[in-house]
Amino acid sequence: MSTTIAFLGPAGTFTEAAMQRFAADLGETTPLPVGSPQKALATVRSGEADYACVAIENSVDGPVTATFDALAEGVPVQIYREVDLPVSFSILTRGTAVQDIQTFSTHPVAYQQVRGWLEENLPGVEFVPAASNGAAAQAVARGEADAAAAPARAGEVFELQAMAENIADVDGATTRFVLVGPSGQPTARTGHDRTSVIFTLPNEPGSLVGALQEFAHR
């Protein structure tokens, strides 16, 4: 039986690349592209997908708060695996000349990572936010934007040209992705394990220190 994995689509996103890394160890899999990390987790809770691949942390911007919020809300889920994926961006176009680029699209998190390059090389260009870097490349292919910052893989998927490569303001950036499934029995220890716990507290003085003291006492 095929294992369904939901991920932030469309094809060509970093999340798809992480999903493929997880899928390599799961036998036959069926990818399920969705429009947001929240929707990916919702498919696990509804039973539409067996797992969801979502980003939880970036070495440049820190935690992906929207993902943590989605993990904390609703039916409990469990993290089964994680992978750190190098991320690099290309400027993808339909062959548009630099001087003719008026609109630029990418995911807002990616925009912060390439903002310096944009201000230097494409000053004054209108930013069009996209749900994902793959969606930004798709928008360029459809003529809805002139250029996109996205993985090189997205250029292959949507038959775009790379005007520039490795444009991130910080070299060597990575994003951590996790494979999330229904809550169940803990997996076997590997010696390289990590435990993540999400909890909520009353909005009153002393709540946080009271919770953290439990870790100190144990």
N, C-alpha and C. Protein backbone atom coordinates (compact mmCIF):
# COMPACT_ATOMS: atom_id res chain seq x y z
N MET A 1 0.84 -1.20 0.00
CA MET A 1 0.00 0.00 0.00
C MET A 1 0.88 1.25 0.00
N SER A 2 0.51 2.23 -0.80
CA SER A 2 1.29 3.45 -0.91
C SER A 2 1.08 4.35 0.31
N THR A 3 2.15 5.01 0.73
CA THR A 3 2.11 5.95 1.84
C THR A 3 1.97 7.36 1.29
N THR A 4 0.96 8.09 1.71
CA THR A 4 0.71 9.45 1.22
C THR A 4 1.40 10.47 2.11
N ILE A 5 2.16 11.37 1.48
CA ILE A 5 2.87 12.42 2.22
C ILE A 5 2.43 13.78 1.69
N ALA A 6 1.83 14.59 2.55
CA ALA A 6 1.44 15.94 2.17
C ALA A 6 2.63 16.88 2.34
N PHE A 7 2.73 17.86 1.45
CA PHE A 7 3.83 18.82 1.52
C PHE A 7 3.39 20.14 0.89
N LEU A 8 4.12 21.20 1.22
CA LEU A 8 3.84 22.51 0.66
C LEU A 8 4.22 22.52 -0.81
N GLY A 9 3.23 22.62 -1.67
CA GLY A 9 3.47 22.57 -3.11
C GLY A 9 3.43 23.95 -3.73
N PRO A 10 3.48 23.99 -5.07
CA PRO A 10 3.49 22.84 -5.98
C PRO A 10 4.88 22.21 -6.07
N ALA A 11 5.11 21.44 -7.11
CA ALA A 11 6.44 20.86 -7.31
C ALA A 11 7.48 21.97 -7.41
N GLY A 12 8.69 21.66 -6.95
CA GLY A 12 9.77 22.63 -7.05
C GLY A 12 10.07 23.38 -5.77
N THR A 13 9.37 23.06 -4.67
CA THR A 13 9.65 23.71 -3.40
C THR A 13 10.75 22.98 -2.64
N PHE A 14 11.34 23.66 -1.67
CA PHE A 14 12.30 22.99 -0.79
C PHE A 14 11.60 21.89 0.00
N THR A 15 10.34 22.12 0.34
CA THR A 15 9.60 21.10 1.09
C THR A 15 9.44 19.83 0.28
N GLU A 16 9.25 19.97 -1.03
CA GLU A 16 9.18 18.77 -1.87
C GLU A 16 10.49 18.00 -1.82
N ALA A 17 11.61 18.73 -1.87
CA ALA A 17 12.92 18.08 -1.81
C ALA A 17 13.09 17.33 -0.50
N ALA A 18 12.66 17.95 0.62
CA ALA A 18 12.74 17.27 1.91
C ALA A 18 11.81 16.06 1.95
N MET A 19 10.63 16.21 1.39
CA MET A 19 9.67 15.09 1.34
C MET A 19 10.27 13.91 0.59
N GLN A 20 10.98 14.18 -0.49
CA GLN A 20 11.59 13.10 -1.27
C GLN A 20 12.68 12.39 -0.47
N ARG A 21 13.37 13.13 0.39
CA ARG A 21 14.38 12.51 1.26
C ARG A 21 13.70 11.54 2.23
N PHE A 22 12.60 11.97 2.81
CA PHE A 22 11.86 11.08 3.72
C PHE A 22 11.29 9.88 2.96
N ALA A 23 10.76 10.14 1.77
CA ALA A 23 10.09 9.09 1.00
C ALA A 23 11.04 7.97 0.63
N ALA A 24 12.31 8.28 0.50
CA ALA A 24 13.29 7.27 0.10
C ALA A 24 13.36 6.11 1.08
N ASP A 25 12.94 6.35 2.33
CA ASP A 25 12.98 5.30 3.36
C ASP A 25 11.62 4.69 3.65
N LEU A 26 10.61 5.08 2.88
CA LEU A 26 9.25 4.65 3.20
C LEU A 26 8.63 3.74 2.15
N GLY A 27 9.41 3.29 1.20
CA GLY A 27 8.86 2.42 0.16
C GLY A 27 8.03 3.22 -0.84
N GLU A 28 6.94 2.64 -1.28
CA GLU A 28 6.08 3.31 -2.27
C GLU A 28 5.33 4.46 -1.60
N THR A 29 5.44 5.65 -2.19
CA THR A 29 4.80 6.83 -1.62
C THR A 29 4.01 7.58 -2.68
N THR A 30 3.02 8.33 -2.22
CA THR A 30 2.23 9.20 -3.09
C THR A 30 2.33 10.62 -2.56
N PRO A 31 2.94 11.55 -3.31
CA PRO A 31 3.03 12.94 -2.84
C PRO A 31 1.69 13.65 -2.96
N LEU A 32 1.38 14.49 -1.98
CA LEU A 32 0.14 15.25 -1.97
C LEU A 32 0.47 16.72 -1.76
N PRO A 33 0.61 17.51 -2.84
CA PRO A 33 0.91 18.93 -2.67
C PRO A 33 -0.30 19.70 -2.14
N VAL A 34 -0.06 20.58 -1.18
CA VAL A 34 -1.12 21.41 -0.60
C VAL A 34 -0.63 22.85 -0.52
N GLY A 35 -1.53 23.75 -0.11
CA GLY A 35 -1.22 25.16 -0.20
C GLY A 35 -0.52 25.79 0.99
N SER A 36 -0.38 25.06 2.10
CA SER A 36 0.25 25.64 3.28
C SER A 36 0.67 24.52 4.23
N PRO A 37 1.62 24.80 5.15
CA PRO A 37 1.97 23.81 6.17
C PRO A 37 0.78 23.43 7.05
N GLN A 38 -0.09 24.42 7.32
CA GLN A 38 -1.27 24.13 8.13
C GLN A 38 -2.17 23.11 7.45
N LYS A 39 -2.33 23.25 6.13
CA LYS A 39 -3.16 22.30 5.39
C LYS A 39 -2.50 20.92 5.35
N ALA A 40 -1.17 20.90 5.27
CA ALA A 40 -0.47 19.62 5.28
C ALA A 40 -0.74 18.86 6.57
N LEU A 41 -0.66 19.57 7.70
CA LEU A 41 -0.93 18.92 8.99
C LEU A 41 -2.41 18.54 9.12
N ALA A 42 -3.28 19.34 8.53
CA ALA A 42 -4.71 19.03 8.58
C ALA A 42 -5.02 17.73 7.86
N THR A 43 -4.29 17.43 6.78
CA THR A 43 -4.53 16.18 6.05
C THR A 43 -4.15 14.97 6.89
N VAL A 44 -3.16 15.12 7.75
CA VAL A 44 -2.79 14.02 8.66
C VAL A 44 -3.89 13.83 9.70
N ARG A 45 -4.37 14.92 10.25
CA ARG A 45 -5.40 14.82 11.29
C ARG A 45 -6.72 14.27 10.74
N SER A 46 -6.99 14.54 9.46
CA SER A 46 -8.24 14.06 8.86
C SER A 46 -8.11 12.64 8.31
N GLY A 47 -6.87 12.15 8.19
CA GLY A 47 -6.65 10.82 7.63
C GLY A 47 -6.45 10.81 6.13
N GLU A 48 -6.49 11.99 5.50
CA GLU A 48 -6.28 12.06 4.05
C GLU A 48 -4.85 11.68 3.68
N ALA A 49 -3.90 12.02 4.55
CA ALA A 49 -2.49 11.68 4.32
C ALA A 49 -1.95 10.91 5.52
N ASP A 50 -0.95 10.09 5.26
CA ASP A 50 -0.30 9.34 6.34
C ASP A 50 0.69 10.21 7.10
N TYR A 51 1.37 11.08 6.36
CA TYR A 51 2.37 11.97 6.96
C TYR A 51 2.29 13.34 6.30
N ALA A 52 2.88 14.31 6.98
CA ALA A 52 3.06 15.65 6.42
C ALA A 52 4.52 16.04 6.59
N CYS A 53 5.09 16.62 5.56
CA CYS A 53 6.45 17.16 5.62
C CYS A 53 6.33 18.67 5.74
N VAL A 54 6.85 19.23 6.83
CA VAL A 54 6.74 20.67 7.07
C VAL A 54 8.07 21.23 7.57
N ALA A 55 8.29 22.50 7.28
CA ALA A 55 9.48 23.19 7.77
C ALA A 55 9.21 23.72 9.17
N ILE A 56 10.19 23.56 10.07
CA ILE A 56 10.00 24.07 11.43
C ILE A 56 11.05 25.10 11.84
N GLU A 57 12.17 25.16 11.13
CA GLU A 57 13.23 26.09 11.56
C GLU A 57 14.15 26.41 10.40
N ASN A 58 14.59 27.67 10.35
CA ASN A 58 15.55 28.11 9.35
C ASN A 58 16.75 28.71 10.05
N SER A 59 17.94 28.42 9.55
CA SER A 59 19.16 28.88 10.22
C SER A 59 19.31 30.40 10.17
N VAL A 60 18.58 31.07 9.28
CA VAL A 60 18.66 32.52 9.17
C VAL A 60 17.56 33.20 9.98
N ASP A 61 16.33 32.72 9.84
CA ASP A 61 15.17 33.39 10.45
C ASP A 61 14.66 32.73 11.72
N GLY A 62 15.17 31.55 12.06
CA GLY A 62 14.74 30.90 13.28
C GLY A 62 13.49 30.05 13.09
N PRO A 63 12.71 29.84 14.16
CA PRO A 63 11.55 28.95 14.10
C PRO A 63 10.49 29.45 13.11
N VAL A 64 9.81 28.51 12.47
CA VAL A 64 8.68 28.83 11.61
C VAL A 64 7.44 28.81 12.50
N THR A 65 7.07 29.97 13.00
CA THR A 65 6.04 30.04 14.03
C THR A 65 4.69 29.50 13.57
N ALA A 66 4.36 29.69 12.29
CA ALA A 66 3.07 29.19 11.79
C ALA A 66 3.00 27.67 11.90
N THR A 67 4.12 27.00 11.67
CA THR A 67 4.14 25.55 11.79
C THR A 67 3.98 25.12 13.24
N PHE A 68 4.68 25.79 14.15
CA PHE A 68 4.56 25.45 15.56
C PHE A 68 3.13 25.67 16.06
N ASP A 69 2.50 26.75 15.61
CA ASP A 69 1.12 27.00 16.01
C ASP A 69 0.21 25.87 15.52
N ALA A 70 0.43 25.44 14.27
CA ALA A 70 -0.40 24.38 13.69
C ALA A 70 -0.15 23.04 14.39
N LEU A 71 1.08 22.80 14.82
CA LEU A 71 1.38 21.56 15.55
C LEU A 71 0.67 21.54 16.91
N ALA A 72 0.54 22.71 17.51
CA ALA A 72 -0.02 22.79 18.86
C ALA A 72 -1.54 22.74 18.88
N GLU A 73 -2.17 23.02 17.75
CA GLU A 73 -3.63 23.11 17.70
C GLU A 73 -4.23 21.83 17.11
N GLY A 74 -5.37 21.41 17.65
CA GLY A 74 -6.06 20.27 17.07
C GLY A 74 -5.62 18.94 17.66
N VAL A 75 -5.96 17.87 16.96
CA VAL A 75 -5.64 16.51 17.41
C VAL A 75 -4.12 16.35 17.52
N PRO A 76 -3.62 15.75 18.60
CA PRO A 76 -2.17 15.58 18.76
C PRO A 76 -1.55 14.80 17.60
N VAL A 77 -0.37 15.24 17.20
CA VAL A 77 0.40 14.55 16.17
C VAL A 77 1.81 14.31 16.70
N GLN A 78 2.60 13.60 15.94
CA GLN A 78 3.93 13.20 16.41
C GLN A 78 4.96 13.40 15.31
N ILE A 79 6.14 13.89 15.70
CA ILE A 79 7.25 14.03 14.77
C ILE A 79 8.03 12.71 14.74
N TYR A 80 8.23 12.18 13.54
CA TYR A 80 8.89 10.89 13.40
C TYR A 80 10.32 11.00 12.87
N ARG A 81 10.58 11.99 12.03
CA ARG A 81 11.92 12.13 11.46
C ARG A 81 12.19 13.60 11.19
N GLU A 82 13.46 13.93 10.99
CA GLU A 82 13.82 15.29 10.61
C GLU A 82 15.00 15.26 9.67
N VAL A 83 15.15 16.34 8.90
CA VAL A 83 16.28 16.47 7.99
C VAL A 83 16.60 17.95 7.85
N ASP A 84 17.89 18.28 7.83
CA ASP A 84 18.35 19.64 7.55
C ASP A 84 18.72 19.72 6.08
N LEU A 85 18.11 20.67 5.38
CA LEU A 85 18.29 20.77 3.93
C LEU A 85 18.94 22.10 3.58
N PRO A 86 20.06 22.10 2.85
CA PRO A 86 20.64 23.36 2.38
C PRO A 86 19.66 24.07 1.44
N VAL A 87 19.56 25.38 1.57
CA VAL A 87 18.65 26.14 0.70
C VAL A 87 19.44 27.21 -0.04
N SER A 88 19.21 27.30 -1.33
CA SER A 88 19.80 28.35 -2.15
C SER A 88 18.77 28.78 -3.18
N PHE A 89 18.86 30.03 -3.57
CA PHE A 89 17.83 30.61 -4.44
C PHE A 89 18.42 31.06 -5.77
N SER A 90 17.60 30.90 -6.81
CA SER A 90 17.92 31.43 -8.14
C SER A 90 16.84 32.44 -8.51
N ILE A 91 17.21 33.40 -9.35
CA ILE A 91 16.22 34.30 -9.94
C ILE A 91 15.75 33.68 -11.24
N LEU A 92 14.48 33.32 -11.30
CA LEU A 92 13.92 32.61 -12.45
C LEU A 92 13.01 33.55 -13.24
N THR A 93 13.16 33.53 -14.55
CA THR A 93 12.33 34.35 -15.44
C THR A 93 11.94 33.55 -16.67
N ARG A 94 11.09 34.14 -17.50
CA ARG A 94 10.74 33.54 -18.78
C ARG A 94 11.70 34.00 -19.87
N GLY A 95 12.83 34.57 -19.47
CA GLY A 95 13.77 35.13 -20.42
C GLY A 95 13.68 36.64 -20.48
N THR A 96 12.96 37.22 -19.53
CA THR A 96 12.77 38.66 -19.47
C THR A 96 14.08 39.38 -19.19
N ALA A 97 14.33 40.47 -19.90
CA ALA A 97 15.53 41.28 -19.66
C ALA A 97 15.45 41.95 -18.30
N VAL A 98 16.60 42.17 -17.69
CA VAL A 98 16.64 42.75 -16.34
C VAL A 98 15.87 44.06 -16.28
N GLN A 99 16.06 44.92 -17.28
CA GLN A 99 15.42 46.23 -17.25
C GLN A 99 13.90 46.17 -17.42
N ASP A 100 13.40 45.01 -17.84
CA ASP A 100 11.95 44.87 -18.04
C ASP A 100 11.25 44.20 -16.86
N ILE A 101 11.99 43.82 -15.84
CA ILE A 101 11.39 43.17 -14.67
C ILE A 101 10.73 44.22 -13.78
N GLN A 102 9.42 44.11 -13.63
CA GLN A 102 8.67 45.06 -12.81
C GLN A 102 8.04 44.42 -11.57
N THR A 103 7.79 43.12 -11.65
CA THR A 103 7.20 42.41 -10.51
C THR A 103 8.04 41.20 -10.16
N PHE A 104 8.14 40.95 -8.88
CA PHE A 104 8.98 39.86 -8.36
C PHE A 104 8.21 39.09 -7.31
N SER A 105 8.27 37.76 -7.37
CA SER A 105 7.49 36.95 -6.44
C SER A 105 8.35 35.92 -5.73
N THR A 106 8.04 35.68 -4.48
CA THR A 106 8.63 34.59 -3.71
C THR A 106 7.86 34.48 -2.40
N HIS A 107 8.18 33.48 -1.60
CA HIS A 107 7.58 33.36 -0.28
C HIS A 107 8.13 34.46 0.62
N PRO A 108 7.33 35.04 1.52
CA PRO A 108 7.81 36.13 2.38
C PRO A 108 9.06 35.79 3.17
N VAL A 109 9.21 34.55 3.64
CA VAL A 109 10.42 34.17 4.37
C VAL A 109 11.62 34.21 3.44
N ALA A 110 11.46 33.71 2.22
CA ALA A 110 12.54 33.75 1.24
C ALA A 110 12.89 35.19 0.88
N TYR A 111 11.88 36.04 0.82
CA TYR A 111 12.12 37.45 0.48
C TYR A 111 13.11 38.09 1.46
N GLN A 112 12.96 37.78 2.74
CA GLN A 112 13.87 38.34 3.73
C GLN A 112 15.30 37.82 3.54
N GLN A 113 15.43 36.64 2.97
CA GLN A 113 16.76 36.04 2.79
C GLN A 113 17.47 36.54 1.54
N VAL A 114 16.73 37.15 0.61
CA VAL A 114 17.34 37.63 -0.64
C VAL A 114 17.15 39.14 -0.81
N ARG A 115 16.67 39.80 0.22
CA ARG A 115 16.32 41.21 0.12
C ARG A 115 17.51 42.09 -0.27
N GLY A 116 18.66 41.80 0.30
CA GLY A 116 19.85 42.60 -0.03
C GLY A 116 20.19 42.53 -1.50
N TRP A 117 20.14 41.31 -2.06
CA TRP A 117 20.44 41.14 -3.49
C TRP A 117 19.42 41.90 -4.33
N LEU A 118 18.16 41.84 -3.95
CA LEU A 118 17.11 42.51 -4.72
C LEU A 118 17.30 44.02 -4.70
N GLU A 119 17.59 44.58 -3.53
CA GLU A 119 17.76 46.03 -3.43
C GLU A 119 18.93 46.52 -4.26
N GLU A 120 19.94 45.67 -4.40
CA GLU A 120 21.12 46.06 -5.18
C GLU A 120 20.92 45.85 -6.67
N ASN A 121 20.23 44.80 -7.05
CA ASN A 121 20.15 44.43 -8.46
C ASN A 121 18.80 44.71 -9.12
N LEU A 122 17.73 44.74 -8.33
CA LEU A 122 16.39 45.00 -8.88
C LEU A 122 15.68 46.05 -8.02
N PRO A 123 16.27 47.23 -7.85
CA PRO A 123 15.66 48.24 -6.99
C PRO A 123 14.32 48.72 -7.55
N GLY A 124 13.37 48.91 -6.65
CA GLY A 124 12.08 49.45 -7.07
C GLY A 124 11.11 48.43 -7.64
N VAL A 125 11.51 47.17 -7.72
CA VAL A 125 10.63 46.15 -8.27
C VAL A 125 9.52 45.82 -7.26
N GLU A 126 8.30 45.65 -7.74
CA GLU A 126 7.16 45.36 -6.87
C GLU A 126 7.22 43.91 -6.38
N PHE A 127 7.10 43.73 -5.07
CA PHE A 127 7.12 42.39 -4.48
C PHE A 127 5.71 41.82 -4.44
N VAL A 128 5.55 40.61 -4.99
CA VAL A 128 4.26 39.90 -4.99
C VAL A 128 4.42 38.65 -4.13
N PRO A 129 3.89 38.63 -2.90
CA PRO A 129 4.05 37.46 -2.03
C PRO A 129 3.41 36.21 -2.63
N ALA A 130 4.04 35.06 -2.39
CA ALA A 130 3.52 33.78 -2.87
C ALA A 130 3.41 32.81 -1.70
N ALA A 131 2.54 31.82 -1.83
CA ALA A 131 2.35 30.83 -0.77
C ALA A 131 3.56 29.94 -0.60
N SER A 132 4.38 29.81 -1.65
CA SER A 132 5.60 29.02 -1.59
C SER A 132 6.52 29.49 -2.71
N ASN A 133 7.79 29.08 -2.64
CA ASN A 133 8.71 29.45 -3.71
C ASN A 133 8.33 28.76 -5.02
N GLY A 134 7.81 27.54 -4.92
CA GLY A 134 7.33 26.86 -6.11
C GLY A 134 6.16 27.58 -6.74
N ALA A 135 5.25 28.09 -5.89
CA ALA A 135 4.11 28.85 -6.39
C ALA A 135 4.57 30.14 -7.06
N ALA A 136 5.65 30.73 -6.55
CA ALA A 136 6.20 31.93 -7.17
C ALA A 136 6.71 31.63 -8.58
N ALA A 137 7.43 30.51 -8.72
CA ALA A 137 7.90 30.12 -10.05
C ALA A 137 6.74 29.82 -10.98
N GLN A 138 5.71 29.20 -10.45
CA GLN A 138 4.52 28.92 -11.24
C GLN A 138 3.85 30.21 -11.71
N ALA A 139 3.84 31.23 -10.84
CA ALA A 139 3.27 32.52 -11.21
C ALA A 139 4.03 33.15 -12.37
N VAL A 140 5.35 33.01 -12.36
CA VAL A 140 6.16 33.52 -13.47
C VAL A 140 5.81 32.79 -14.76
N ALA A 141 5.71 31.47 -14.68
CA ALA A 141 5.37 30.68 -15.86
C ALA A 141 4.01 31.07 -16.43
N ARG A 142 3.10 31.48 -15.57
CA ARG A 142 1.76 31.88 -16.00
C ARG A 142 1.69 33.33 -16.44
N GLY A 143 2.78 34.07 -16.30
CA GLY A 143 2.79 35.47 -16.68
C GLY A 143 2.23 36.38 -15.62
N GLU A 144 2.10 35.89 -14.38
CA GLU A 144 1.55 36.69 -13.29
C GLU A 144 2.63 37.47 -12.55
N ALA A 145 3.88 37.18 -12.82
CA ALA A 145 5.02 37.91 -12.26
C ALA A 145 6.16 37.81 -13.26
N ASP A 146 7.08 38.76 -13.19
CA ASP A 146 8.19 38.76 -14.15
C ASP A 146 9.36 37.90 -13.70
N ALA A 147 9.55 37.77 -12.38
CA ALA A 147 10.69 37.01 -11.87
C ALA A 147 10.33 36.41 -10.52
N ALA A 148 11.04 35.36 -10.14
CA ALA A 148 10.81 34.70 -8.85
C ALA A 148 12.12 34.27 -8.25
N ALA A 149 12.19 34.27 -6.92
CA ALA A 149 13.30 33.64 -6.21
C ALA A 149 12.82 32.27 -5.77
N ALA A 150 13.49 31.23 -6.25
CA ALA A 150 13.03 29.87 -6.00
C ALA A 150 14.19 28.90 -6.17
N PRO A 151 14.03 27.65 -5.75
CA PRO A 151 15.07 26.65 -6.00
C PRO A 151 15.28 26.44 -7.50
N ALA A 152 16.49 26.07 -7.87
CA ALA A 152 16.77 25.79 -9.28
C ALA A 152 15.83 24.72 -9.82
N ARG A 153 15.46 23.78 -8.97
CA ARG A 153 14.54 22.71 -9.37
C ARG A 153 13.22 23.28 -9.90
N ALA A 154 12.73 24.38 -9.32
CA ALA A 154 11.49 24.99 -9.78
C ALA A 154 11.62 25.50 -11.21
N GLY A 155 12.82 25.96 -11.56
CA GLY A 155 13.05 26.40 -12.93
C GLY A 155 12.90 25.25 -13.91
N GLU A 156 13.36 24.07 -13.51
CA GLU A 156 13.22 22.89 -14.36
C GLU A 156 11.76 22.49 -14.50
N VAL A 157 11.04 22.53 -13.39
CA VAL A 157 9.63 22.11 -13.39
C VAL A 157 8.79 23.00 -14.29
N PHE A 158 9.01 24.32 -14.20
CA PHE A 158 8.17 25.27 -14.92
C PHE A 158 8.85 25.86 -16.16
N GLU A 159 9.97 25.26 -16.55
CA GLU A 159 10.67 25.63 -17.79
C GLU A 159 11.01 27.12 -17.81
N LEU A 160 11.68 27.57 -16.76
CA LEU A 160 12.11 28.96 -16.65
C LEU A 160 13.63 29.04 -16.76
N GLN A 161 14.12 30.25 -17.00
CA GLN A 161 15.55 30.48 -17.13
C GLN A 161 16.09 31.10 -15.84
N ALA A 162 17.29 30.71 -15.46
CA ALA A 162 17.94 31.26 -14.28
C ALA A 162 18.74 32.50 -14.67
N MET A 163 18.27 33.66 -14.23
CA MET A 163 18.98 34.91 -14.51
C MET A 163 20.17 35.09 -13.58
N ALA A 164 20.05 34.55 -12.37
CA ALA A 164 21.13 34.61 -11.38
C ALA A 164 20.96 33.43 -10.43
N GLU A 165 22.06 32.98 -9.85
CA GLU A 165 22.02 31.83 -8.95
C GLU A 165 22.70 32.17 -7.62
N ASN A 166 22.35 31.42 -6.58
CA ASN A 166 22.95 31.59 -5.25
C ASN A 166 22.90 33.05 -4.80
N ILE A 167 21.69 33.59 -4.74
CA ILE A 167 21.53 35.02 -4.47
C ILE A 167 21.23 35.32 -3.00
N ALA A 168 21.22 34.32 -2.14
CA ALA A 168 20.89 34.55 -0.73
C ALA A 168 21.90 35.49 -0.09
N ASP A 169 21.43 36.32 0.82
CA ASP A 169 22.30 37.27 1.51
C ASP A 169 23.25 36.58 2.48
N VAL A 170 22.86 35.39 2.97
CA VAL A 170 23.70 34.62 3.89
C VAL A 170 24.00 33.28 3.26
N ASP A 171 25.28 32.98 3.07
CA ASP A 171 25.67 31.71 2.47
C ASP A 171 25.49 30.56 3.47
N GLY A 172 25.24 29.38 2.94
CA GLY A 172 25.19 28.19 3.77
C GLY A 172 23.94 28.03 4.61
N ALA A 173 22.85 28.70 4.24
CA ALA A 173 21.62 28.60 5.02
C ALA A 173 21.02 27.19 4.90
N THR A 174 20.38 26.76 5.97
CA THR A 174 19.69 25.47 5.97
C THR A 174 18.30 25.64 6.58
N THR A 175 17.41 24.74 6.20
CA THR A 175 16.08 24.69 6.79
C THR A 175 15.85 23.29 7.33
N ARG A 176 15.28 23.21 8.52
CA ARG A 176 14.99 21.92 9.13
C ARG A 176 13.54 21.54 8.83
N PHE A 177 13.37 20.35 8.29
CA PHE A 177 12.05 19.81 7.98
C PHE A 177 11.78 18.59 8.85
N VAL A 178 10.52 18.38 9.17
CA VAL A 178 10.15 17.20 9.96
C VAL A 178 9.04 16.44 9.26
N LEU A 179 9.00 15.15 9.53
CA LEU A 179 7.94 14.28 9.03
C LEU A 179 6.97 14.03 10.18
N VAL A 180 5.74 14.48 10.00
CA VAL A 180 4.75 14.44 11.07
C VAL A 180 3.65 13.43 10.72
N GLY A 181 3.28 12.61 11.69
CA GLY A 181 2.21 11.64 11.49
C GLY A 181 1.30 11.59 12.69
N PRO A 182 0.32 10.70 12.68
CA PRO A 182 -0.57 10.56 13.83
C PRO A 182 0.21 10.19 15.08
N SER A 183 -0.28 10.64 16.21
CA SER A 183 0.37 10.33 17.48
C SER A 183 0.26 8.83 17.75
N GLY A 184 1.38 8.22 18.13
CA GLY A 184 1.40 6.78 18.38
C GLY A 184 2.52 6.41 19.31
N GLN A 185 2.97 5.18 19.21
CA GLN A 185 4.05 4.71 20.06
C GLN A 185 5.38 5.33 19.63
N PRO A 186 6.26 5.65 20.59
CA PRO A 186 7.58 6.20 20.23
C PRO A 186 8.34 5.23 19.34
N THR A 187 9.10 5.79 18.42
CA THR A 187 9.91 4.96 17.55
C THR A 187 11.14 4.45 18.31
N ALA A 188 11.78 3.43 17.77
CA ALA A 188 12.96 2.86 18.43
C ALA A 188 14.08 3.89 18.51
N ARG A 189 14.83 3.85 19.59
CA ARG A 189 15.93 4.79 19.77
C ARG A 189 17.04 4.52 18.76
N THR A 190 17.63 5.62 18.28
CA THR A 190 18.72 5.50 17.31
C THR A 190 20.05 5.98 17.87
N GLY A 191 20.02 6.68 19.01
CA GLY A 191 21.24 7.29 19.53
C GLY A 191 21.44 8.70 19.03
N HIS A 192 20.57 9.13 18.11
CA HIS A 192 20.62 10.49 17.58
C HIS A 192 19.22 11.10 17.66
N ASP A 193 18.59 10.91 18.78
CA ASP A 193 17.18 11.28 18.92
C ASP A 193 17.02 12.67 19.53
N ARG A 194 15.86 13.24 19.28
CA ARG A 194 15.54 14.56 19.81
C ARG A 194 14.06 14.56 20.20
N THR A 195 13.75 15.20 21.30
CA THR A 195 12.37 15.28 21.77
C THR A 195 11.90 16.72 21.72
N SER A 196 10.75 16.95 21.11
CA SER A 196 10.14 18.28 21.05
C SER A 196 8.82 18.23 21.81
N VAL A 197 8.59 19.22 22.65
CA VAL A 197 7.36 19.28 23.44
C VAL A 197 6.75 20.67 23.27
N ILE A 198 5.47 20.72 22.97
CA ILE A 198 4.74 21.98 22.88
C ILE A 198 3.69 22.00 23.98
N PHE A 199 3.66 23.07 24.78
CA PHE A 199 2.65 23.16 25.82
C PHE A 199 2.19 24.61 25.95
N THR A 200 0.99 24.79 26.47
CA THR A 200 0.44 26.12 26.69
C THR A 200 0.32 26.37 28.19
N LEU A 201 0.34 27.65 28.56
CA LEU A 201 0.31 28.03 29.97
C LEU A 201 -0.72 29.12 30.21
N PRO A 202 -1.22 29.22 31.43
CA PRO A 202 -2.12 30.34 31.76
C PRO A 202 -1.38 31.67 31.63
N ASN A 203 -2.09 32.70 31.22
CA ASN A 203 -1.49 34.02 31.06
C ASN A 203 -1.46 34.73 32.41
N GLU A 204 -0.51 34.31 33.25
CA GLU A 204 -0.40 34.89 34.58
C GLU A 204 1.05 34.83 35.05
N PRO A 205 1.44 35.70 35.98
CA PRO A 205 2.83 35.73 36.45
C PRO A 205 3.25 34.38 37.04
N GLY A 206 4.46 33.96 36.70
CA GLY A 206 5.02 32.74 37.26
C GLY A 206 4.72 31.47 36.49
N SER A 207 3.88 31.56 35.45
CA SER A 207 3.50 30.35 34.71
C SER A 207 4.71 29.69 34.05
N LEU A 208 5.53 30.49 33.38
CA LEU A 208 6.65 29.92 32.64
C LEU A 208 7.69 29.32 33.58
N VAL A 209 8.06 30.06 34.62
CA VAL A 209 9.08 29.53 35.53
C VAL A 209 8.56 28.28 36.24
N GLY A 210 7.28 28.23 36.52
CA GLY A 210 6.71 27.05 37.16
C GLY A 210 6.83 25.82 36.27
N ALA A 211 6.62 26.00 34.97
CA ALA A 211 6.74 24.88 34.04
C ALA A 211 8.19 24.46 33.87
N LEU A 212 9.08 25.42 33.75
CA LEU A 212 10.49 25.09 33.52
C LEU A 212 11.14 24.45 34.74
N GLN A 213 10.65 24.77 35.91
CA GLN A 213 11.21 24.16 37.12
C GLN A 213 11.02 22.64 37.14
N GLU A 214 9.97 22.17 36.48
CA GLU A 214 9.75 20.73 36.40
C GLU A 214 10.91 20.03 35.70
N PHE A 215 11.46 20.68 34.67
CA PHE A 215 12.61 20.09 33.97
C PHE A 215 13.83 20.08 34.88
N ALA A 216 14.00 21.14 35.67
CA ALA A 216 15.15 21.22 36.58
C ALA A 216 15.05 20.15 37.67
N HIS A 217 13.85 19.93 38.19
CA HIS A 217 13.67 18.97 39.28
C HIS A 217 13.86 17.53 38.82
N ARG A 218 13.62 17.27 37.54
CA ARG A 218 13.74 15.90 37.04
C ARG A 218 15.11 15.65 36.44
